[in-house]
Amino acid sequence: MNNAEAYKEKYSAKLDEWKAEIDKLKARAVQEKSDASISLREKVDELEKKRDEAKKQLEKLSNAGNDAWEDLKSGVEKACTDLSGSIKAAMHKFDK
C-alpha cells in the first residue's frame, strides 16, 4: 500500500467515526424536549453538511492522479479538521 492509499483509508475511517458521533448527537436531539433540541438539530444538520463536504474532498482526492494528489490533500485536511473541531465543540456544548 502506498502513502496515498494509506492516507485515503485513514480519512475514510475517520469519516466513519465522525458519522457515528453525529448519529449520537442526532439521537440525543430526538430525545430532547426543549429549545436545546432545536439548537442541537440545527448543529447536527451543519455537521452533516461538513461531513458531506469532507467526503467530497476525499472522493476528489481518490479520483486524482499523482500530480494533483498533493494539491487536493490540503483540502481534505482542512475539511476534516473543521469537521472534527465542530463535532468536539458540539459534543461539549450538548453534553449532559
Protein backbone atom coordinates (compact mmCIF):
# COMPACT_ATOMS: atom_id res chain seq x y z
CA MET A 1 0.00 0.00 0.00
CA ASN A 2 1.43 3.36 -0.94
CA ASN A 3 1.16 6.59 1.03
CA ALA A 4 -1.84 7.83 -0.98
CA GLU A 5 -3.83 4.68 -0.30
CA ALA A 6 -2.95 4.74 3.40
CA TYR A 7 -3.96 8.39 3.58
CA LYS A 8 -7.30 7.70 1.91
CA GLU A 9 -8.00 4.76 4.22
CA LYS A 10 -7.13 6.82 7.29
CA TYR A 11 -9.53 9.61 6.41
CA SER A 12 -12.23 7.24 5.25
CA ALA A 13 -12.11 5.56 8.66
CA LYS A 14 -12.20 8.98 10.36
CA LEU A 15 -15.29 9.94 8.34
CA ASP A 16 -16.98 6.76 9.58
CA GLU A 17 -16.08 7.65 13.17
CA TRP A 18 -17.38 11.18 12.77
CA LYS A 19 -20.61 9.87 11.25
CA ALA A 20 -21.12 7.77 14.38
CA GLU A 21 -20.56 10.84 16.58
CA ILE A 22 -23.05 12.86 14.52
CA ASP A 23 -25.55 10.00 14.79
CA LYS A 24 -25.20 10.11 18.60
CA LEU A 25 -25.95 13.82 18.58
CA LYS A 26 -28.90 13.24 16.25
CA ALA A 27 -30.33 10.61 18.61
CA ARG A 28 -29.91 12.99 21.52
CA ALA A 29 -31.75 15.71 19.59
CA VAL A 30 -34.71 13.38 19.08
CA GLN A 31 -34.84 12.65 22.80
CA GLU A 32 -34.63 16.28 23.89
CA LYS A 33 -37.90 18.10 24.56
CA SER A 34 -36.67 21.66 24.86
CA ASP A 35 -35.21 24.58 22.97
CA ALA A 36 -31.89 22.77 23.22
CA SER A 37 -33.34 20.15 20.88
CA ILE A 38 -33.89 22.72 18.15
CA SER A 39 -30.37 24.05 18.56
CA LEU A 40 -28.95 20.54 18.57
CA ARG A 41 -30.85 19.56 15.43
CA GLU A 42 -29.52 22.66 13.68
CA LYS A 43 -25.99 21.76 14.76
CA VAL A 44 -26.46 18.18 13.54
CA ASP A 45 -27.57 19.50 10.13
CA GLU A 46 -24.47 21.70 10.00
CA LEU A 47 -22.23 18.79 10.97
CA GLU A 48 -23.76 16.53 8.33
CA LYS A 49 -23.08 19.18 5.67
CA LYS A 50 -19.47 19.46 6.82
CA ARG A 51 -19.11 15.69 6.76
CA ASP A 52 -20.53 15.58 3.24
CA GLU A 53 -18.03 18.24 2.17
CA ALA A 54 -15.12 16.32 3.71
CA LYS A 55 -16.33 13.17 1.96
CA LYS A 56 -16.48 15.01 -1.38
CA GLN A 57 -12.95 16.28 -0.86
CA LEU A 58 -11.76 12.74 -0.13
CA GLU A 59 -13.53 11.44 -3.25
CA LYS A 60 -11.81 14.12 -5.35
CA LEU A 61 -8.52 13.00 -3.88
CA SER A 62 -9.31 9.37 -4.64
CA ASN A 63 -10.00 10.20 -8.27
CA ALA A 64 -6.98 12.43 -8.70
CA GLY A 65 -3.79 11.43 -10.36
CA ASN A 66 -0.49 11.50 -8.54
CA ASP A 67 0.27 15.02 -9.74
CA ALA A 68 -2.91 16.53 -8.29
CA TRP A 69 -2.85 14.42 -5.14
CA GLU A 70 -0.63 16.77 -3.13
CA ASP A 71 -2.73 19.79 -4.12
CA LEU A 72 -6.00 18.17 -3.09
CA LYS A 73 -4.60 16.72 0.14
CA SER A 74 -4.70 20.13 1.86
CA GLY A 75 -8.42 20.48 1.03
CA VAL A 76 -9.16 17.14 2.66
CA GLU A 77 -7.15 18.03 5.74
CA LYS A 78 -8.86 21.41 6.09
CA ALA A 79 -12.35 19.94 5.72
CA CYS A 80 -11.58 17.15 8.19
CA THR A 81 -10.01 19.49 10.74
CA ASP A 82 -13.05 21.76 10.53
CA LEU A 83 -15.42 18.83 10.92
CA SER A 84 -13.51 17.33 13.84
CA GLY A 85 -13.39 20.63 15.71
CA SER A 86 -17.09 21.26 15.12
CA ILE A 87 -18.03 17.80 16.39
CA LYS A 88 -15.92 18.23 19.53
CA ALA A 89 -17.49 21.62 20.20
CA ALA A 90 -21.00 20.24 19.72
CA MET A 91 -20.33 17.24 21.95
CA HIS A 92 -19.00 19.57 24.66
CA LYS A 93 -21.87 22.05 24.31
CA PHE A 94 -24.64 19.46 24.35
CA ASP A 95 -23.03 17.01 26.77
CA LYS A 96 -25.25 16.33 29.75
